[in-house]
């Protein structure tokens, strides 16, 4: 959960591999496949894409970020929300990576070979 002062509480799901693909697809759609050309556009599109895919619940009026009024207050709130979400997602990934060192949870001897070694 992320509490955004003056706005309310947001709840996001943990990002899965499928979510990662869905976020990238939403980003491409939002930027009309023109991402990488404008940092400001990239920030807004990435924030909206993450929100669309991962948000489980949001305060009243924040269910569809793309429909919010375009103003400085909204953009500042979006920046704070996005920064906090990115920090949370990173902490989940870092925690998962540390946990994967335990036997049976990603140890290399337990991983099936999916690609032939001679490729």
PDB file of N, CA and C in Angstrom:
ATOM      1  N   UNK A   1       0.828  -1.183   0.000  1.00  0.00           N
ATOM      2  CA  UNK A   1       0.000   0.000   0.000  1.00  0.00           C
ATOM      3  C   UNK A   1       0.869   1.242   0.000  1.00  0.00           C
ATOM      4  N   UNK A   2       0.386   2.236  -0.688  1.00  0.00           N
ATOM      5  CA  UNK A   2       1.070   3.524  -0.735  1.00  0.00           C
ATOM      6  C   UNK A   2       0.065   4.592  -0.340  1.00  0.00           C
ATOM      7  N   UNK A   3       0.397   5.328   0.709  1.00  0.00           N
ATOM      8  CA  UNK A   3      -0.444   6.442   1.144  1.00  0.00           C
ATOM      9  C   UNK A   3       0.109   7.723   0.546  1.00  0.00           C
ATOM     10  N   UNK A   4      -0.722   8.384  -0.236  1.00  0.00           N
ATOM     11  CA  UNK A   4      -0.334   9.646  -0.856  1.00  0.00           C
ATOM     12  C   UNK A   4      -1.056  10.770  -0.133  1.00  0.00           C
ATOM     13  N   UNK A   5      -0.316  11.630   0.570  1.00  0.00           N
ATOM     14  CA  UNK A   5      -0.951  12.711   1.326  1.00  0.00           C
ATOM     15  C   UNK A   5      -1.886  13.539   0.442  1.00  0.00           C
ATOM     16  N   UNK A   6      -2.997  13.910   0.986  1.00  0.00           N
ATOM     17  CA  UNK A   6      -4.063  14.700   0.345  1.00  0.00           C
ATOM     18  C   UNK A   6      -4.826  13.936  -0.734  1.00  0.00           C
ATOM     19  N   UNK A   7      -4.387  12.723  -1.067  1.00  0.00           N
ATOM     20  CA  UNK A   7      -5.077  11.943  -2.101  1.00  0.00           C
ATOM     21  C   UNK A   7      -5.720  10.707  -1.495  1.00  0.00           C
ATOM     22  N   UNK A   8      -4.925   9.877  -0.810  1.00  0.00           N
ATOM     23  CA  UNK A   8      -5.457   8.672  -0.202  1.00  0.00           C
ATOM     24  C   UNK A   8      -4.533   7.484  -0.374  1.00  0.00           C
ATOM     25  N   UNK A   9      -5.109   6.294  -0.211  1.00  0.00           N
ATOM     26  CA  UNK A   9      -4.347   5.045  -0.197  1.00  0.00           C
ATOM     27  C   UNK A   9      -4.508   4.289  -1.519  1.00  0.00           C
ATOM     28  N   UNK A  10      -3.373   3.846  -2.042  1.00  0.00           N
ATOM     29  CA  UNK A  10      -3.329   3.037  -3.257  1.00  0.00           C
ATOM     30  C   UNK A  10      -2.820   1.653  -2.886  1.00  0.00           C
ATOM     31  N   UNK A  11      -3.337   0.649  -3.545  1.00  0.00           N
ATOM     32  CA  UNK A  11      -2.850  -0.717  -3.343  1.00  0.00           C
ATOM     33  C   UNK A  11      -2.456  -1.281  -4.701  1.00  0.00           C
ATOM     34  N   UNK A  12      -1.246  -1.828  -4.765  1.00  0.00           N
ATOM     35  CA  UNK A  12      -0.722  -2.383  -6.004  1.00  0.00           C
ATOM     36  C   UNK A  12      -0.374  -3.850  -5.802  1.00  0.00           C
ATOM     37  N   UNK A  13      -0.494  -4.630  -6.864  1.00  0.00           N
ATOM     38  CA  UNK A  13      -0.070  -6.017  -6.836  1.00  0.00           C
ATOM     39  C   UNK A  13       1.419  -6.109  -7.133  1.00  0.00           C
ATOM     40  N   UNK A  14       2.006  -7.221  -6.756  1.00  0.00           N
ATOM     41  CA  UNK A  14       3.415  -7.470  -7.058  1.00  0.00           C
ATOM     42  C   UNK A  14       3.535  -7.792  -8.546  1.00  0.00           C
ATOM     43  N   UNK A  15       4.539  -7.244  -9.196  1.00  0.00           N
ATOM     44  CA  UNK A  15       4.714  -7.418 -10.635  1.00  0.00           C
ATOM     45  C   UNK A  15       5.174  -8.835 -10.968  1.00  0.00           C
ATOM     46  N   UNK A  16       4.430  -9.483 -11.850  1.00  0.00           N
ATOM     47  CA  UNK A  16       4.806 -10.797 -12.361  1.00  0.00           C
ATOM     48  C   UNK A  16       5.440 -10.625 -13.743  1.00  0.00           C
ATOM     49  N   UNK A  17       5.940 -11.701 -14.304  1.00  0.00           N
ATOM     50  CA  UNK A  17       6.502 -11.644 -15.650  1.00  0.00           C
ATOM     51  C   UNK A  17       5.428 -11.223 -16.652  1.00  0.00           C
ATOM     52  N   UNK A  18       4.238 -11.781 -16.503  1.00  0.00           N
ATOM     53  CA  UNK A  18       3.135 -11.391 -17.384  1.00  0.00           C
ATOM     54  C   UNK A  18       2.781  -9.923 -17.237  1.00  0.00           C
ATOM     55  N   UNK A  19       2.813  -9.429 -15.995  1.00  0.00           N
ATOM     56  CA  UNK A  19       2.560  -8.004 -15.756  1.00  0.00           C
ATOM     57  C   UNK A  19       3.618  -7.148 -16.449  1.00  0.00           C
ATOM     58  N   UNK A  20       4.858  -7.592 -16.376  1.00  0.00           N
ATOM     59  CA  UNK A  20       5.945  -6.832 -17.004  1.00  0.00           C
ATOM     60  C   UNK A  20       5.681  -6.672 -18.504  1.00  0.00           C
ATOM     61  N   UNK A  21       5.241  -7.744 -19.136  1.00  0.00           N
ATOM     62  CA  UNK A  21       4.920  -7.687 -20.565  1.00  0.00           C
ATOM     63  C   UNK A  21       3.728  -6.766 -20.799  1.00  0.00           C
ATOM     64  N   UNK A  22       2.702  -6.876 -19.955  1.00  0.00           N
ATOM     65  CA  UNK A  22       1.515  -6.022 -20.091  1.00  0.00           C
ATOM     66  C   UNK A  22       1.870  -4.546 -19.897  1.00  0.00           C
ATOM     67  N   UNK A  23       2.776  -4.257 -18.976  1.00  0.00           N
ATOM     68  CA  UNK A  23       3.219  -2.875 -18.750  1.00  0.00           C
ATOM     69  C   UNK A  23       3.928  -2.347 -19.990  1.00  0.00           C
ATOM     70  N   UNK A  24       4.805  -3.162 -20.561  1.00  0.00           N
ATOM     71  CA  UNK A  24       5.509  -2.732 -21.772  1.00  0.00           C
ATOM     72  C   UNK A  24       4.538  -2.506 -22.928  1.00  0.00           C
ATOM     73  N   UNK A  25       3.549  -3.387 -23.066  1.00  0.00           N
ATOM     74  CA  UNK A  25       2.548  -3.226 -24.125  1.00  0.00           C
ATOM     75  C   UNK A  25       1.730  -1.953 -23.917  1.00  0.00           C
ATOM     76  N   UNK A  26       1.346  -1.679 -22.676  1.00  0.00           N
ATOM     77  CA  UNK A  26       0.587  -0.456 -22.382  1.00  0.00           C
ATOM     78  C   UNK A  26       1.435   0.777 -22.674  1.00  0.00           C
ATOM     79  N   UNK A  27       2.715   0.714 -22.334  1.00  0.00           N
ATOM     80  CA  UNK A  27       3.626   1.832 -22.609  1.00  0.00           C
ATOM     81  C   UNK A  27       3.704   2.108 -24.113  1.00  0.00           C
ATOM     82  N   UNK A  28       3.855   1.056 -24.900  1.00  0.00           N
ATOM     83  CA  UNK A  28       3.928   1.216 -26.358  1.00  0.00           C
ATOM     84  C   UNK A  28       2.640   1.829 -26.889  1.00  0.00           C
ATOM     85  N   UNK A  29       1.506   1.383 -26.358  1.00  0.00           N
ATOM     86  CA  UNK A  29       0.219   1.940 -26.775  1.00  0.00           C
ATOM     87  C   UNK A  29       0.115   3.413 -26.394  1.00  0.00           C
ATOM     88  N   UNK A  30       0.461   3.735 -25.156  1.00  0.00           N
ATOM     89  CA  UNK A  30       0.351   5.119 -24.683  1.00  0.00           C
ATOM     90  C   UNK A  30       1.261   6.080 -25.443  1.00  0.00           C
ATOM     91  N   UNK A  31       2.427   5.614 -25.849  1.00  0.00           N
ATOM     92  CA  UNK A  31       3.359   6.483 -26.569  1.00  0.00           C
ATOM     93  C   UNK A  31       3.197   6.362 -28.078  1.00  0.00           C
ATOM     94  N   UNK A  32       2.229   5.566 -28.504  1.00  0.00           N
ATOM     95  CA  UNK A  32       2.026   5.325 -29.934  1.00  0.00           C
ATOM     96  C   UNK A  32       3.329   4.838 -30.571  1.00  0.00           C
ATOM     97  N   UNK A  33       4.020   3.964 -29.851  1.00  0.00           N
ATOM     98  CA  UNK A  33       5.292   3.371 -30.269  1.00  0.00           C
ATOM     99  C   UNK A  33       6.374   4.420 -30.519  1.00  0.00           C
ATOM    100  N   UNK A  34       6.265   5.570 -29.875  1.00  0.00           N
ATOM    101  CA  UNK A  34       7.245   6.646 -30.038  1.00  0.00           C
ATOM    102  C   UNK A  34       8.060   6.864 -28.767  1.00  0.00           C
ATOM    103  N   UNK A  35       8.080   5.888 -27.879  1.00  0.00           N
ATOM    104  CA  UNK A  35       8.815   6.020 -26.628  1.00  0.00           C
ATOM    105  C   UNK A  35      10.299   6.240 -26.855  1.00  0.00           C
ATOM    106  N   UNK A  36      10.930   6.884 -25.877  1.00  0.00           N
ATOM    107  CA  UNK A  36      12.359   7.123 -25.939  1.00  0.00           C
ATOM    108  C   UNK A  36      12.745   8.432 -26.594  1.00  0.00           C
ATOM    109  N   UNK A  37      11.780   9.162 -27.102  1.00  0.00           N
ATOM    110  CA  UNK A  37      12.089  10.419 -27.782  1.00  0.00           C
ATOM    111  C   UNK A  37      11.889  11.640 -26.890  1.00  0.00           C
ATOM    112  N   UNK A  38      11.124  11.479 -25.822  1.00  0.00           N
ATOM    113  CA  UNK A  38      10.798  12.609 -24.952  1.00  0.00           C
ATOM    114  C   UNK A  38      10.731  12.093 -23.520  1.00  0.00           C
ATOM    115  N   UNK A  39      11.649  12.527 -22.662  1.00  0.00           N
ATOM    116  CA  UNK A  39      11.714  12.010 -21.285  1.00  0.00           C
ATOM    117  C   UNK A  39      10.434  12.282 -20.512  1.00  0.00           C
ATOM    118  N   UNK A  40       9.829  13.423 -20.729  1.00  0.00           N
ATOM    119  CA  UNK A  40       8.589  13.783 -20.042  1.00  0.00           C
ATOM    120  C   UNK A  40       7.462  12.831 -20.449  1.00  0.00           C
ATOM    121  N   UNK A  41       7.317  12.600 -21.748  1.00  0.00           N
ATOM    122  CA  UNK A  41       6.318  11.659 -22.245  1.00  0.00           C
ATOM    123  C   UNK A  41       6.593  10.256 -21.706  1.00  0.00           C
ATOM    124  N   UNK A  42       7.861   9.857 -21.706  1.00  0.00           N
ATOM    125  CA  UNK A  42       8.226   8.528 -21.213  1.00  0.00           C
ATOM    126  C   UNK A  42       7.833   8.344 -19.749  1.00  0.00           C
ATOM    127  N   UNK A  43       8.096   9.360 -18.928  1.00  0.00           N
ATOM    128  CA  UNK A  43       7.734   9.284 -17.510  1.00  0.00           C
ATOM    129  C   UNK A  43       6.228   9.098 -17.345  1.00  0.00           C
ATOM    130  N   UNK A  44       5.444   9.948 -17.996  1.00  0.00           N
ATOM    131  CA  UNK A  44       3.988   9.864 -17.849  1.00  0.00           C
ATOM    132  C   UNK A  44       3.477   8.522 -18.365  1.00  0.00           C
ATOM    133  N   UNK A  45       3.947   8.096 -19.527  1.00  0.00           N
ATOM    134  CA  UNK A  45       3.485   6.832 -20.102  1.00  0.00           C
ATOM    135  C   UNK A  45       3.872   5.647 -19.221  1.00  0.00           C
ATOM    136  N   UNK A  46       5.090   5.633 -18.695  1.00  0.00           N
ATOM    137  CA  UNK A  46       5.515   4.524 -17.842  1.00  0.00           C
ATOM    138  C   UNK A  46       4.718   4.501 -16.543  1.00  0.00           C
ATOM    139  N   UNK A  47       4.482   5.675 -15.968  1.00  0.00           N
ATOM    140  CA  UNK A  47       3.681   5.752 -14.741  1.00  0.00           C
ATOM    141  C   UNK A  47       2.262   5.251 -14.998  1.00  0.00           C
ATOM    142  N   UNK A  48       1.644   5.712 -16.081  1.00  0.00           N
ATOM    143  CA  UNK A  48       0.282   5.276 -16.403  1.00  0.00           C
ATOM    144  C   UNK A  48       0.230   3.782 -16.696  1.00  0.00           C
ATOM    145  N   UNK A  49       1.221   3.268 -17.415  1.00  0.00           N
ATOM    146  CA  UNK A  49       1.245   1.843 -17.742  1.00  0.00           C
ATOM    147  C   UNK A  49       1.358   0.990 -16.480  1.00  0.00           C
ATOM    148  N   UNK A  50       2.259   1.362 -15.570  1.00  0.00           N
ATOM    149  CA  UNK A  50       2.385   0.624 -14.307  1.00  0.00           C
ATOM    150  C   UNK A  50       1.088   0.687 -13.514  1.00  0.00           C
ATOM    151  N   UNK A  51       0.488   1.856 -13.473  1.00  0.00           N
ATOM    152  CA  UNK A  51      -0.759   2.030 -12.732  1.00  0.00           C
ATOM    153  C   UNK A  51      -1.865   1.161 -13.335  1.00  0.00           C
ATOM    154  N   UNK A  52      -2.022   1.196 -14.656  1.00  0.00           N
ATOM    155  CA  UNK A  52      -3.077   0.427 -15.319  1.00  0.00           C
ATOM    156  C   UNK A  52      -2.971  -1.061 -15.018  1.00  0.00           C
ATOM    157  N   UNK A  53      -1.761  -1.568 -15.004  1.00  0.00           N
ATOM    158  CA  UNK A  53      -1.564  -3.012 -14.848  1.00  0.00           C
ATOM    159  C   UNK A  53      -1.537  -3.443 -13.381  1.00  0.00           C
ATOM    160  N   UNK A  54      -0.892  -2.679 -12.521  1.00  0.00           N
ATOM    161  CA  UNK A  54      -0.636  -3.146 -11.159  1.00  0.00           C
ATOM    162  C   UNK A  54      -1.586  -2.624 -10.089  1.00  0.00           C
ATOM    163  N   UNK A  55      -2.327  -1.556 -10.360  1.00  0.00           N
ATOM    164  CA  UNK A  55      -3.173  -0.970  -9.319  1.00  0.00           C
ATOM    165  C   UNK A  55      -4.369  -1.868  -9.019  1.00  0.00           C
ATOM    166  N   UNK A  56      -4.526  -2.213  -7.762  1.00  0.00           N
ATOM    167  CA  UNK A  56      -5.638  -3.039  -7.294  1.00  0.00           C
ATOM    168  C   UNK A  56      -6.762  -2.155  -6.771  1.00  0.00           C
ATOM    169  N   UNK A  57      -6.406  -1.104  -6.052  1.00  0.00           N
ATOM    170  CA  UNK A  57      -7.414  -0.156  -5.562  1.00  0.00           C
ATOM    171  C   UNK A  57      -6.784   1.229  -5.451  1.00  0.00           C
ATOM    172  N   UNK A  58      -7.639   2.238  -5.668  1.00  0.00           N
ATOM    173  CA  UNK A  58      -7.181   3.627  -5.650  1.00  0.00           C
ATOM    174  C   UNK A  58      -8.253   4.492  -5.007  1.00  0.00           C
ATOM    175  N   UNK A  59      -7.862   5.663  -4.510  1.00  0.00           N
ATOM    176  CA  UNK A  59      -8.852   6.579  -3.939  1.00  0.00           C
ATOM    177  C   UNK A  59      -9.885   6.994  -4.992  1.00  0.00           C
ATOM    178  N   UNK A  60     -11.033   7.416  -4.521  1.00  0.00           N
ATOM    179  CA  UNK A  60     -12.095   7.872  -5.421  1.00  0.00           C
ATOM    180  C   UNK A  60     -11.553   8.930  -6.375  1.00  0.00           C
ATOM    181  N   UNK A  61     -11.886   8.768  -7.639  1.00  0.00           N
ATOM    182  CA  UNK A  61     -11.447   9.715  -8.651  1.00  0.00           C
ATOM    183  C   UNK A  61     -10.102   9.400  -9.270  1.00  0.00           C
ATOM    184  N   UNK A  62      -9.387   8.425  -8.718  1.00  0.00           N
ATOM    185  CA  UNK A  62      -8.068   8.066  -9.235  1.00  0.00           C
ATOM    186  C   UNK A  62      -8.066   6.704  -9.923  1.00  0.00           C
ATOM    187  N   UNK A  63      -9.224   6.159 -10.208  1.00  0.00           N
ATOM    188  CA  UNK A  63      -9.302   4.843 -10.834  1.00  0.00           C
ATOM    189  C   UNK A  63      -8.726   4.799 -12.236  1.00  0.00           C
ATOM    190  N   UNK A  64      -8.841   5.885 -12.953  1.00  0.00           N
ATOM    191  CA  UNK A  64      -8.290   5.978 -14.307  1.00  0.00           C
ATOM    192  C   UNK A  64      -7.385   7.204 -14.381  1.00  0.00           C
ATOM    193  N   UNK A  65      -6.094   6.994 -14.224  1.00  0.00           N
ATOM    194  CA  UNK A  65      -5.163   8.124 -14.220  1.00  0.00           C
ATOM    195  C   UNK A  65      -5.210   8.917 -15.515  1.00  0.00           C
ATOM    196  N   UNK A  66      -5.374   8.237 -16.623  1.00  0.00           N
ATOM    197  CA  UNK A  66      -5.362   8.932 -17.909  1.00  0.00           C
ATOM    198  C   UNK A  66      -6.501   9.937 -18.026  1.00  0.00           C
ATOM    199  N   UNK A  67      -7.552   9.779 -17.220  1.00  0.00           N
ATOM    200  CA  UNK A  67      -8.703  10.682 -17.286  1.00  0.00           C
ATOM    201  C   UNK A  67      -8.593  11.860 -16.316  1.00  0.00           C
ATOM    202  N   UNK A  68      -7.555  11.883 -15.486  1.00  0.00           N
ATOM    203  CA  UNK A  68      -7.405  12.972 -14.514  1.00  0.00           C
ATOM    204  C   UNK A  68      -7.089  14.292 -15.210  1.00  0.00           C
ATOM    205  N   UNK A  69      -7.472  15.378 -14.573  1.00  0.00           N
ATOM    206  CA  UNK A  69      -7.141  16.703 -15.103  1.00  0.00           C
ATOM    207  C   UNK A  69      -5.626  16.847 -15.201  1.00  0.00           C
ATOM    208  N   UNK A  70      -5.192  17.438 -16.278  1.00  0.00           N
ATOM    209  CA  UNK A  70      -3.767  17.648 -16.520  1.00  0.00           C
ATOM    210  C   UNK A  70      -3.370  18.978 -15.894  1.00  0.00           C
ATOM    211  N   UNK A  71      -2.770  18.908 -14.700  1.00  0.00           N
ATOM    212  CA  UNK A  71      -2.337  20.126 -14.017  1.00  0.00           C
ATOM    213  C   UNK A  71      -1.125  19.806 -13.146  1.00  0.00           C
ATOM    214  N   UNK A  72      -0.511  20.831 -12.618  1.00  0.00           N
ATOM    215  CA  UNK A  72       0.731  20.665 -11.860  1.00  0.00           C
ATOM    216  C   UNK A  72       0.541  19.818 -10.603  1.00  0.00           C
ATOM    217  N   UNK A  73      -0.566  20.002  -9.905  1.00  0.00           N
ATOM    218  CA  UNK A  73      -0.824  19.223  -8.690  1.00  0.00           C
ATOM    219  C   UNK A  73      -0.927  17.741  -9.010  1.00  0.00           C
ATOM    220  N   UNK A  74      -1.676  17.411 -10.059  1.00  0.00           N
ATOM    221  CA  UNK A  74      -1.822  16.011 -10.447  1.00  0.00           C
ATOM    222  C   UNK A  74      -0.474  15.433 -10.856  1.00  0.00           C
ATOM    223  N   UNK A  75       0.306  16.169 -11.627  1.00  0.00           N
ATOM    224  CA  UNK A  75       1.613  15.678 -12.069  1.00  0.00           C
ATOM    225  C   UNK A  75       2.561  15.476 -10.892  1.00  0.00           C
ATOM    226  N   UNK A  76       2.529  16.371  -9.924  1.00  0.00           N
ATOM    227  CA  UNK A  76       3.360  16.200  -8.726  1.00  0.00           C
ATOM    228  C   UNK A  76       2.941  14.963  -7.945  1.00  0.00           C
ATOM    229  N   UNK A  77       1.634  14.762  -7.781  1.00  0.00           N
ATOM    230  CA  UNK A  77       1.141  13.567  -7.089  1.00  0.00           C
ATOM    231  C   UNK A  77       1.518  12.304  -7.854  1.00  0.00           C
ATOM    232  N   UNK A  78       1.408  12.349  -9.178  1.00  0.00           N
ATOM    233  CA  UNK A  78       1.780  11.204 -10.003  1.00  0.00           C
ATOM    234  C   UNK A  78       3.263  10.887  -9.840  1.00  0.00           C
ATOM    235  N   UNK A  79       4.104  11.904  -9.798  1.00  0.00           N
ATOM    236  CA  UNK A  79       5.545  11.693  -9.632  1.00  0.00           C
ATOM    237  C   UNK A  79       5.856  11.043  -8.288  1.00  0.00           C
ATOM    238  N   UNK A  80       5.210  11.502  -7.227  1.00  0.00           N
ATOM    239  CA  UNK A  80       5.425  10.927  -5.893  1.00  0.00           C
ATOM    240  C   UNK A  80       4.947   9.477  -5.871  1.00  0.00           C
ATOM    241  N   UNK A  81       3.774   9.222  -6.423  1.00  0.00           N
ATOM    242  CA  UNK A  81       3.214   7.872  -6.462  1.00  0.00           C
ATOM    243  C   UNK A  81       4.111   6.932  -7.263  1.00  0.00           C
ATOM    244  N   UNK A  82       4.555   7.370  -8.422  1.00  0.00           N
ATOM    245  CA  UNK A  82       5.406   6.560  -9.293  1.00  0.00           C
ATOM    246  C   UNK A  82       6.742   6.245  -8.614  1.00  0.00           C
ATOM    247  N   UNK A  83       7.352   7.250  -7.996  1.00  0.00           N
ATOM    248  CA  UNK A  83       8.630   7.040  -7.302  1.00  0.00           C
ATOM    249  C   UNK A  83       8.474   6.004  -6.191  1.00  0.00           C
ATOM    250  N   UNK A  84       7.427   6.126  -5.413  1.00  0.00           N
ATOM    251  CA  UNK A  84       7.192   5.175  -4.320  1.00  0.00           C
ATOM    252  C   UNK A  84       6.930   3.771  -4.867  1.00  0.00           C
ATOM    253  N   UNK A  85       6.150   3.673  -5.931  1.00  0.00           N
ATOM    254  CA  UNK A  85       5.869   2.369  -6.532  1.00  0.00           C
ATOM    255  C   UNK A  85       7.149   1.731  -7.053  1.00  0.00           C
ATOM    256  N   UNK A  86       8.000   2.489  -7.727  1.00  0.00           N
ATOM    257  CA  UNK A  86       9.253   1.945  -8.253  1.00  0.00           C
ATOM    258  C   UNK A  86      10.146   1.449  -7.114  1.00  0.00           C
ATOM    259  N   UNK A  87      10.186   2.184  -6.008  1.00  0.00           N
ATOM    260  CA  UNK A  87      10.980   1.749  -4.852  1.00  0.00           C
ATOM    261  C   UNK A  87      10.427   0.453  -4.274  1.00  0.00           C
ATOM    262  N   UNK A  88       9.113   0.337  -4.192  1.00  0.00           N
ATOM    263  CA  UNK A  88       8.500  -0.894  -3.667  1.00  0.00           C
ATOM    264  C   UNK A  88       8.779  -2.071  -4.592  1.00  0.00           C
ATOM    265  N   UNK A  89       8.615  -1.868  -5.895  1.00  0.00           N
ATOM    266  CA  UNK A  89       8.865  -2.957  -6.839  1.00  0.00           C
ATOM    267  C   UNK A  89      10.318  -3.405  -6.776  1.00  0.00           C
ATOM    268  N   UNK A  90      11.238  -2.464  -6.655  1.00  0.00           N
ATOM    269  CA  UNK A  90      12.656  -2.809  -6.543  1.00  0.00           C
ATOM    270  C   UNK A  90      12.915  -3.611  -5.272  1.00  0.00           C
ATOM    271  N   UNK A  91      12.293  -3.228  -4.180  1.00  0.00           N
ATOM    272  CA  UNK A  91      12.509  -3.962  -2.928  1.00  0.00           C
ATOM    273  C   UNK A  91      11.961  -5.381  -3.031  1.00  0.00           C
ATOM    274  N   UNK A  92      10.848  -5.567  -3.746  1.00  0.00           N
ATOM    275  CA  UNK A  92      10.311  -6.914  -3.943  1.00  0.00           C
ATOM    276  C   UNK A  92      11.287  -7.751  -4.766  1.00  0.00           C
ATOM    277  N   UNK A  93      11.814  -7.165  -5.853  1.00  0.00           N
ATOM    278  CA  UNK A  93      12.757  -7.903  -6.706  1.00  0.00           C
ATOM    279  C   UNK A  93      14.038  -8.223  -5.945  1.00  0.00           C
ATOM    280  N   UNK A  94      14.554  -7.247  -5.189  1.00  0.00           N
ATOM    281  CA  UNK A  94      15.771  -7.482  -4.411  1.00  0.00           C
ATOM    282  C   UNK A  94      15.551  -8.586  -3.387  1.00  0.00           C
ATOM    283  N   UNK A  95      14.415  -8.593  -2.728  1.00  0.00           N
ATOM    284  CA  UNK A  95      14.090  -9.622  -1.746  1.00  0.00           C
ATOM    285  C   UNK A  95      13.948 -10.982  -2.386  1.00  0.00           C
ATOM    286  N   UNK A  96      13.331 -11.028  -3.557  1.00  0.00           N
ATOM    287  CA  UNK A  96      13.164 -12.296  -4.265  1.00  0.00           C
ATOM    288  C   UNK A  96      14.515 -12.839  -4.708  1.00  0.00           C
ATOM    289  N   UNK A  97      15.408 -11.966  -5.149  1.00  0.00           N
ATOM    290  CA  UNK A  97      16.732 -12.401  -5.593  1.00  0.00           C
ATOM    291  C   UNK A  97      17.528 -12.973  -4.432  1.00  0.00           C
ATOM    292  N   UNK A  98      17.432 -12.371  -3.262  1.00  0.00           N
ATOM    293  CA  UNK A  98      18.146 -12.882  -2.097  1.00  0.00           C
ATOM    294  C   UNK A  98      17.591 -14.239  -1.691  1.00  0.00           C
ATOM    295  N   UNK A  99      16.287 -14.385  -1.731  1.00  0.00           N
ATOM    296  CA  UNK A  99      15.659 -15.637  -1.341  1.00  0.00           C
ATOM    297  C   UNK A  99      15.924 -16.766  -2.314  1.00  0.00           C
ATOM    298  N   UNK A 100      16.245 -16.439  -3.564  1.00  0.00           N
ATOM    299  CA  UNK A 100      16.420 -17.484  -4.571  1.00  0.00           C
ATOM    300  C   UNK A 100      17.704 -18.274  -4.395  1.00  0.00           C
ATOM    301  N   UNK A 101      18.553 -17.878  -3.467  1.00  0.00           N
ATOM    302  CA  UNK A 101      19.789 -18.607  -3.246  1.00  0.00           C
ATOM    303  C   UNK A 101      19.570 -19.883  -2.431  1.00  0.00           C
ATOM    304  N   UNK A 102      18.406 -20.012  -1.815  1.00  0.00           N
ATOM    305  CA  UNK A 102      18.124 -21.211  -1.025  1.00  0.00           C
ATOM    306  C   UNK A 102      17.922 -22.405  -1.952  1.00  0.00           C
ATOM    307  N   UNK A 103      18.369 -23.616  -1.534  1.00  0.00           N
ATOM    308  CA  UNK A 103      18.186 -24.803  -2.364  1.00  0.00           C
ATOM    309  C   UNK A 103      16.721 -24.998  -2.731  1.00  0.00           C
ATOM    310  N   UNK A 104      16.502 -25.334  -3.982  1.00  0.00           N
ATOM    311  CA  UNK A 104      15.143 -25.582  -4.446  1.00  0.00           C
ATOM    312  C   UNK A 104      14.400 -24.320  -4.841  1.00  0.00           C
ATOM    313  N   UNK A 105      15.004 -23.168  -4.634  1.00  0.00           N
ATOM    314  CA  UNK A 105      14.352 -21.906  -4.995  1.00  0.00           C
ATOM    315  C   UNK A 105      15.195 -21.156  -6.017  1.00  0.00           C
ATOM    316  N   UNK A 106      15.615 -21.848  -7.037  1.00  0.00           N
ATOM    317  CA  UNK A 106      16.383 -21.191  -8.081  1.00  0.00           C
ATOM    318  C   UNK A 106      17.840 -21.614  -8.124  1.00  0.00           C
ATOM    319  N   UNK A 107      18.245 -22.558  -7.273  1.00  0.00           N
ATOM    320  CA  UNK A 107      19.617 -23.044  -7.326  1.00  0.00           C
ATOM    321  C   UNK A 107      19.846 -23.674  -8.696  1.00  0.00           C
ATOM    322  N   UNK A 108      20.994 -23.419  -9.300  1.00  0.00           N
ATOM    323  CA  UNK A 108      21.220 -23.788 -10.698  1.00  0.00           C
ATOM    324  C   UNK A 108      21.073 -25.282 -10.958  1.00  0.00           C
ATOM    325  N   UNK A 109      21.374 -26.130  -9.992  1.00  0.00           N
ATOM    326  CA  UNK A 109      21.251 -27.569 -10.240  1.00  0.00           C
ATOM    327  C   UNK A 109      19.795 -28.010 -10.373  1.00  0.00           C
ATOM    328  N   UNK A 110      18.860 -27.173  -9.960  1.00  0.00           N
ATOM    329  CA  UNK A 110      17.449 -27.524 -10.054  1.00  0.00           C
ATOM    330  C   UNK A 110      16.750 -26.903 -11.260  1.00  0.00           C
ATOM    331  N   UNK A 111      17.483 -26.160 -12.078  1.00  0.00           N
ATOM    332  CA  UNK A 111      16.877 -25.479 -13.215  1.00  0.00           C
ATOM    333  C   UNK A 111      17.007 -26.359 -14.445  1.00  0.00           C
ATOM    334  N   UNK A 112      15.879 -26.707 -15.089  1.00  0.00           N
ATOM    335  CA  UNK A 112      15.969 -27.538 -16.286  1.00  0.00           C
ATOM    336  C   UNK A 112      16.631 -26.764 -17.420  1.00  0.00           C
ATOM    337  N   UNK A 113      17.350 -27.491 -18.274  1.00  0.00           N
ATOM    338  CA  UNK A 113      17.996 -26.861 -19.414  1.00  0.00           C
ATOM    339  C   UNK A 113      16.957 -26.711 -20.512  1.00  0.00           C
ATOM    340  N   UNK A 114      16.603 -25.478 -20.830  1.00  0.00           N
ATOM    341  CA  UNK A 114      15.578 -25.214 -21.830  1.00  0.00           C
ATOM    342  C   UNK A 114      16.164 -24.958 -23.208  1.00  0.00           C
ATOM    343  N   UNK A 115      17.419 -24.567 -23.266  1.00  0.00           N
ATOM    344  CA  UNK A 115      18.076 -24.283 -24.534  1.00  0.00           C
ATOM    345  C   UNK A 115      19.263 -25.225 -24.662  1.00  0.00           C
ATOM    346  N   UNK A 116      19.390 -25.901 -25.792  1.00  0.00           N
ATOM    347  CA  UNK A 116      20.530 -26.809 -25.957  1.00  0.00           C
ATOM    348  C   UNK A 116      21.852 -26.071 -25.755  1.00  0.00           C
ATOM    349  N   UNK A 117      22.810 -26.739 -25.117  1.00  0.00           N
ATOM    350  CA  UNK A 117      24.093 -26.130 -24.785  1.00  0.00           C
ATOM    351  C   UNK A 117      24.892 -25.754 -26.026  1.00  0.00           C
ATOM    352  N   UNK A 118      24.649 -26.415 -27.164  1.00  0.00           N
ATOM    353  CA  UNK A 118      25.437 -26.137 -28.364  1.00  0.00           C
ATOM    354  C   UNK A 118      24.924 -24.942 -29.167  1.00  0.00           C
ATOM    355  N   UNK A 119      23.946 -24.219 -28.671  1.00  0.00           N
ATOM    356  CA  UNK A 119      23.465 -23.030 -29.393  1.00  0.00           C
ATOM    357  C   UNK A 119      24.298 -21.836 -29.104  1.00  0.00           C
TER     358      UNK A 119
END
